[in-house]
Amino acid sequence: MRFLLVDRIESLTPGQSIVATRTFPADDEYLEDHFPGFPVVPGVLLTESMGQAAAKCLDAQRRPRGKAMLVRILSASFRHWVRPGDLLELHATILSDEERFATADCTASVAGRAVAQAKLFFSFLPLDSFAAGLRDPVLDDFMAGSA
């Protein structure tokens, strides 16, 4: 399983807000056990999807402070099941954006119905901490198309 949990960016204002999408494939192995006969996307993966979308919004600023990394879930709640194949729409609004940290208010919805929400806290890790040439293909695709 790849751990890229954002398929596409629909709209983006760097450092302010993002709308992105994700569809969890029915053949993802963890769905066999979560739950047999009633597969649903785990809340931790919904939270991670929201976090990845918010991090892309922060990273799109291309500031020298480094890559946004989710370090704390300030709050999270889950309202409805997300089933394999559902198109998940991810919204993140950046609430604060400082040199060393940022916070985001995030929601996830399916067919216009809110399924999850979270307030997330990010720190930044210098780019030289990662593999050389690290790229974000989803963010790169969006930025190339909006240029």
C-alpha atoms as a PDB file:
ATOM      1  CA  MET A   1       0.000   0.000   0.000  1.00  0.00           C
ATOM      2  CA  ARG A   2       1.264   3.452  -0.884  1.00  0.00           C
ATOM      3  CA  PHE A   3       0.762   6.097   1.747  1.00  0.00           C
ATOM      4  CA  LEU A   4      -0.176   8.895  -0.652  1.00  0.00           C
ATOM      5  CA  LEU A   5      -3.712   9.683   0.464  1.00  0.00           C
ATOM      6  CA  VAL A   6      -4.532  12.628  -1.802  1.00  0.00           C
ATOM      7  CA  ASP A   7      -5.283  11.773  -5.427  1.00  0.00           C
ATOM      8  CA  ARG A   8      -5.866  15.223  -6.865  1.00  0.00           C
ATOM      9  CA  ILE A   9      -5.898  18.903  -5.937  1.00  0.00           C
ATOM     10  CA  GLU A  10      -9.029  20.674  -7.172  1.00  0.00           C
ATOM     11  CA  SER A  11      -8.202  24.184  -5.962  1.00  0.00           C
ATOM     12  CA  LEU A  12      -5.385  25.731  -3.975  1.00  0.00           C
ATOM     13  CA  THR A  13      -4.437  29.090  -2.546  1.00  0.00           C
ATOM     14  CA  PRO A  14      -0.942  28.453  -1.131  1.00  0.00           C
ATOM     15  CA  GLY A  15      -0.783  28.956   2.625  1.00  0.00           C
ATOM     16  CA  GLN A  16      -4.519  29.644   2.857  1.00  0.00           C
ATOM     17  CA  SER A  17      -6.793  26.858   1.622  1.00  0.00           C
ATOM     18  CA  ILE A  18      -7.030  23.715  -0.453  1.00  0.00           C
ATOM     19  CA  VAL A  19      -9.699  21.421  -1.852  1.00  0.00           C
ATOM     20  CA  ALA A  20      -8.482  17.959  -2.819  1.00  0.00           C
ATOM     21  CA  THR A  21      -9.959  14.514  -3.440  1.00  0.00           C
ATOM     22  CA  ARG A  22      -9.246  10.896  -2.578  1.00  0.00           C
ATOM     23  CA  THR A  23     -10.953   7.632  -3.491  1.00  0.00           C
ATOM     24  CA  PHE A  24      -9.964   4.623  -1.387  1.00  0.00           C
ATOM     25  CA  PRO A  25      -9.819   1.542  -3.646  1.00  0.00           C
ATOM     26  CA  ALA A  26     -11.934  -1.447  -2.679  1.00  0.00           C
ATOM     27  CA  ASP A  27      -8.925  -3.750  -3.062  1.00  0.00           C
ATOM     28  CA  ASP A  28      -6.848  -2.044  -0.331  1.00  0.00           C
ATOM     29  CA  GLU A  29      -5.834  -4.997   1.842  1.00  0.00           C
ATOM     30  CA  TYR A  30      -6.719  -3.454   5.238  1.00  0.00           C
ATOM     31  CA  LEU A  31     -10.393  -3.277   4.204  1.00  0.00           C
ATOM     32  CA  GLU A  32     -10.625  -7.075   4.484  1.00  0.00           C
ATOM     33  CA  ASP A  33     -10.407  -6.693   8.263  1.00  0.00           C
ATOM     34  CA  HIS A  34     -12.017  -3.279   8.718  1.00  0.00           C
ATOM     35  CA  PHE A  35     -14.676  -4.732   8.788  1.00  0.00           C
ATOM     36  CA  PRO A  36     -15.482  -8.144   7.243  1.00  0.00           C
ATOM     37  CA  GLY A  37     -18.690  -7.785   5.240  1.00  0.00           C
ATOM     38  CA  PHE A  38     -18.879  -4.036   5.981  1.00  0.00           C
ATOM     39  CA  PRO A  39     -15.645  -2.420   4.775  1.00  0.00           C
ATOM     40  CA  VAL A  40     -15.112   1.186   5.914  1.00  0.00           C
ATOM     41  CA  VAL A  41     -12.127   3.507   5.718  1.00  0.00           C
ATOM     42  CA  PRO A  42     -10.449   3.793   9.145  1.00  0.00           C
ATOM     43  CA  GLY A  43     -10.697   7.169  10.859  1.00  0.00           C
ATOM     44  CA  VAL A  44      -6.920   7.358  11.130  1.00  0.00           C
ATOM     45  CA  LEU A  45      -6.679   7.259   7.316  1.00  0.00           C
ATOM     46  CA  LEU A  46      -9.360   9.941   6.993  1.00  0.00           C
ATOM     47  CA  THR A  47      -7.349  12.106   9.401  1.00  0.00           C
ATOM     48  CA  GLU A  48      -4.128  11.415   7.502  1.00  0.00           C
ATOM     49  CA  SER A  49      -5.834  12.359   4.216  1.00  0.00           C
ATOM     50  CA  MET A  50      -6.933  15.682   5.695  1.00  0.00           C
ATOM     51  CA  GLY A  51      -3.412  16.183   7.058  1.00  0.00           C
ATOM     52  CA  GLN A  52      -1.776  15.451   3.728  1.00  0.00           C
ATOM     53  CA  ALA A  53      -4.084  17.930   1.977  1.00  0.00           C
ATOM     54  CA  ALA A  54      -3.313  20.657   4.536  1.00  0.00           C
ATOM     55  CA  ALA A  55       0.430  19.922   4.281  1.00  0.00           C
ATOM     56  CA  LYS A  56       0.261  20.344   0.495  1.00  0.00           C
ATOM     57  CA  CYS A  57      -1.360  23.738   1.033  1.00  0.00           C
ATOM     58  CA  LEU A  58       1.516  24.777   3.301  1.00  0.00           C
ATOM     59  CA  ASP A  59       4.225  23.237   1.103  1.00  0.00           C
ATOM     60  CA  ALA A  60       2.859  25.037  -1.974  1.00  0.00           C
ATOM     61  CA  GLN A  61       4.316  28.257  -0.552  1.00  0.00           C
ATOM     62  CA  ARG A  62       7.809  26.848  -1.268  1.00  0.00           C
ATOM     63  CA  ARG A  63       9.206  28.582   1.817  1.00  0.00           C
ATOM     64  CA  PRO A  64      12.741  27.618   2.963  1.00  0.00           C
ATOM     65  CA  ARG A  65      11.529  26.416   6.389  1.00  0.00           C
ATOM     66  CA  GLY A  66      11.012  22.864   5.061  1.00  0.00           C
ATOM     67  CA  LYS A  67       8.233  20.327   4.608  1.00  0.00           C
ATOM     68  CA  ALA A  68       5.055  20.483   6.670  1.00  0.00           C
ATOM     69  CA  MET A  69       4.718  17.465   8.949  1.00  0.00           C
ATOM     70  CA  LEU A  70       1.630  16.590  10.987  1.00  0.00           C
ATOM     71  CA  VAL A  71       2.742  16.425  14.616  1.00  0.00           C
ATOM     72  CA  ARG A  72      -0.474  16.725  16.608  1.00  0.00           C
ATOM     73  CA  ILE A  73      -4.164  16.053  16.167  1.00  0.00           C
ATOM     74  CA  LEU A  74      -5.776  18.788  18.227  1.00  0.00           C
ATOM     75  CA  SER A  75      -9.251  17.354  17.672  1.00  0.00           C
ATOM     76  CA  ALA A  76     -10.955  14.907  15.347  1.00  0.00           C
ATOM     77  CA  SER A  77     -14.477  13.623  14.954  1.00  0.00           C
ATOM     78  CA  PHE A  78     -16.128  11.176  12.598  1.00  0.00           C
ATOM     79  CA  ARG A  79     -19.778  11.483  11.626  1.00  0.00           C
ATOM     80  CA  HIS A  80     -20.466   8.933   8.895  1.00  0.00           C
ATOM     81  CA  TRP A  81     -18.892   5.840   7.341  1.00  0.00           C
ATOM     82  CA  VAL A  82     -16.681   6.215   4.290  1.00  0.00           C
ATOM     83  CA  ARG A  83     -16.932   3.179   2.049  1.00  0.00           C
ATOM     84  CA  PRO A  84     -14.419   1.981  -0.543  1.00  0.00           C
ATOM     85  CA  GLY A  85     -15.047   3.739  -3.839  1.00  0.00           C
ATOM     86  CA  ASP A  86     -16.575   6.856  -2.233  1.00  0.00           C
ATOM     87  CA  LEU A  87     -15.142  10.112  -3.595  1.00  0.00           C
ATOM     88  CA  LEU A  88     -13.811  11.907  -0.529  1.00  0.00           C
ATOM     89  CA  GLU A  89     -13.545  15.685  -0.814  1.00  0.00           C
ATOM     90  CA  LEU A  90     -10.950  17.212   1.495  1.00  0.00           C
ATOM     91  CA  HIS A  91     -11.043  20.854   2.581  1.00  0.00           C
ATOM     92  CA  ALA A  92      -8.350  22.535   4.648  1.00  0.00           C
ATOM     93  CA  THR A  93      -8.132  26.125   5.800  1.00  0.00           C
ATOM     94  CA  ILE A  94      -4.884  27.293   7.336  1.00  0.00           C
ATOM     95  CA  LEU A  95      -5.658  29.023  10.636  1.00  0.00           C
ATOM     96  CA  SER A  96      -2.111  30.045  11.609  1.00  0.00           C
ATOM     97  CA  ASP A  97       1.108  29.908   9.635  1.00  0.00           C
ATOM     98  CA  GLU A  98       4.251  30.753  11.572  1.00  0.00           C
ATOM     99  CA  GLU A  99       7.890  30.044  10.796  1.00  0.00           C
ATOM    100  CA  ARG A 100       8.043  26.963  13.077  1.00  0.00           C
ATOM    101  CA  PHE A 101       4.436  25.735  13.144  1.00  0.00           C
ATOM    102  CA  ALA A 102       1.027  25.960  11.503  1.00  0.00           C
ATOM    103  CA  THR A 103      -2.531  24.894  12.294  1.00  0.00           C
ATOM    104  CA  ALA A 104      -5.335  23.885   9.970  1.00  0.00           C
ATOM    105  CA  ASP A 105      -9.070  23.353  10.186  1.00  0.00           C
ATOM    106  CA  CYS A 106     -10.006  20.392   7.984  1.00  0.00           C
ATOM    107  CA  THR A 107     -13.159  18.654   6.843  1.00  0.00           C
ATOM    108  CA  ALA A 108     -13.839  15.608   4.710  1.00  0.00           C
ATOM    109  CA  SER A 109     -17.120  15.035   2.893  1.00  0.00           C
ATOM    110  CA  VAL A 110     -18.737  12.513   0.575  1.00  0.00           C
ATOM    111  CA  ALA A 111     -21.426  13.734  -1.850  1.00  0.00           C
ATOM    112  CA  GLY A 112     -21.688  17.011   0.078  1.00  0.00           C
ATOM    113  CA  ARG A 113     -22.185  15.284   3.436  1.00  0.00           C
ATOM    114  CA  ALA A 114     -19.562  15.963   6.127  1.00  0.00           C
ATOM    115  CA  VAL A 115     -18.017  12.678   7.272  1.00  0.00           C
ATOM    116  CA  ALA A 116     -15.051  13.891   9.363  1.00  0.00           C
ATOM    117  CA  GLN A 117     -13.412  17.005  10.693  1.00  0.00           C
ATOM    118  CA  ALA A 118     -10.124  17.752  12.402  1.00  0.00           C
ATOM    119  CA  LYS A 119      -7.976  20.541  13.743  1.00  0.00           C
ATOM    120  CA  LEU A 120      -4.354  19.715  13.019  1.00  0.00           C
ATOM    121  CA  PHE A 121      -0.970  21.074  14.131  1.00  0.00           C
ATOM    122  CA  PHE A 122       2.095  21.013  11.864  1.00  0.00           C
ATOM    123  CA  SER A 123       5.801  21.522  12.345  1.00  0.00           C
ATOM    124  CA  PHE A 124       8.389  21.821   9.580  1.00  0.00           C
ATOM    125  CA  LEU A 125      11.293  19.513   8.816  1.00  0.00           C
ATOM    126  CA  PRO A 126      14.238  20.776   6.713  1.00  0.00           C
ATOM    127  CA  LEU A 127      14.198  19.398   3.167  1.00  0.00           C
ATOM    128  CA  ASP A 128      17.728  18.011   3.565  1.00  0.00           C
ATOM    129  CA  SER A 129      16.269  15.541   6.109  1.00  0.00           C
ATOM    130  CA  PHE A 130      14.528  13.708   3.245  1.00  0.00           C
ATOM    131  CA  ALA A 131      15.791  11.708   0.293  1.00  0.00           C
ATOM    132  CA  ALA A 132      17.544  13.867  -2.276  1.00  0.00           C
ATOM    133  CA  GLY A 133      15.178  15.217  -4.912  1.00  0.00           C
ATOM    134  CA  LEU A 134      12.012  14.549  -2.894  1.00  0.00           C
ATOM    135  CA  ARG A 135       9.014  15.650  -4.949  1.00  0.00           C
ATOM    136  CA  ASP A 136       5.265  15.662  -4.346  1.00  0.00           C
ATOM    137  CA  PRO A 137       3.742  14.438  -7.627  1.00  0.00           C
ATOM    138  CA  VAL A 138       0.187  15.564  -6.762  1.00  0.00           C
ATOM    139  CA  LEU A 139       1.303  19.076  -5.812  1.00  0.00           C
ATOM    140  CA  ASP A 140       3.711  19.255  -8.777  1.00  0.00           C
ATOM    141  CA  ASP A 141       0.922  18.245 -11.191  1.00  0.00           C
ATOM    142  CA  PHE A 142      -1.410  20.904  -9.851  1.00  0.00           C
ATOM    143  CA  MET A 143       1.246  23.653  -9.875  1.00  0.00           C
ATOM    144  CA  ALA A 144       2.278  22.753 -13.445  1.00  0.00           C
ATOM    145  CA  GLY A 145      -1.349  22.965 -14.584  1.00  0.00           C
ATOM    146  CA  SER A 146      -2.008  26.290 -12.911  1.00  0.00           C
ATOM    147  CA  ALA A 147       1.105  27.995 -14.305  1.00  0.00           C
END
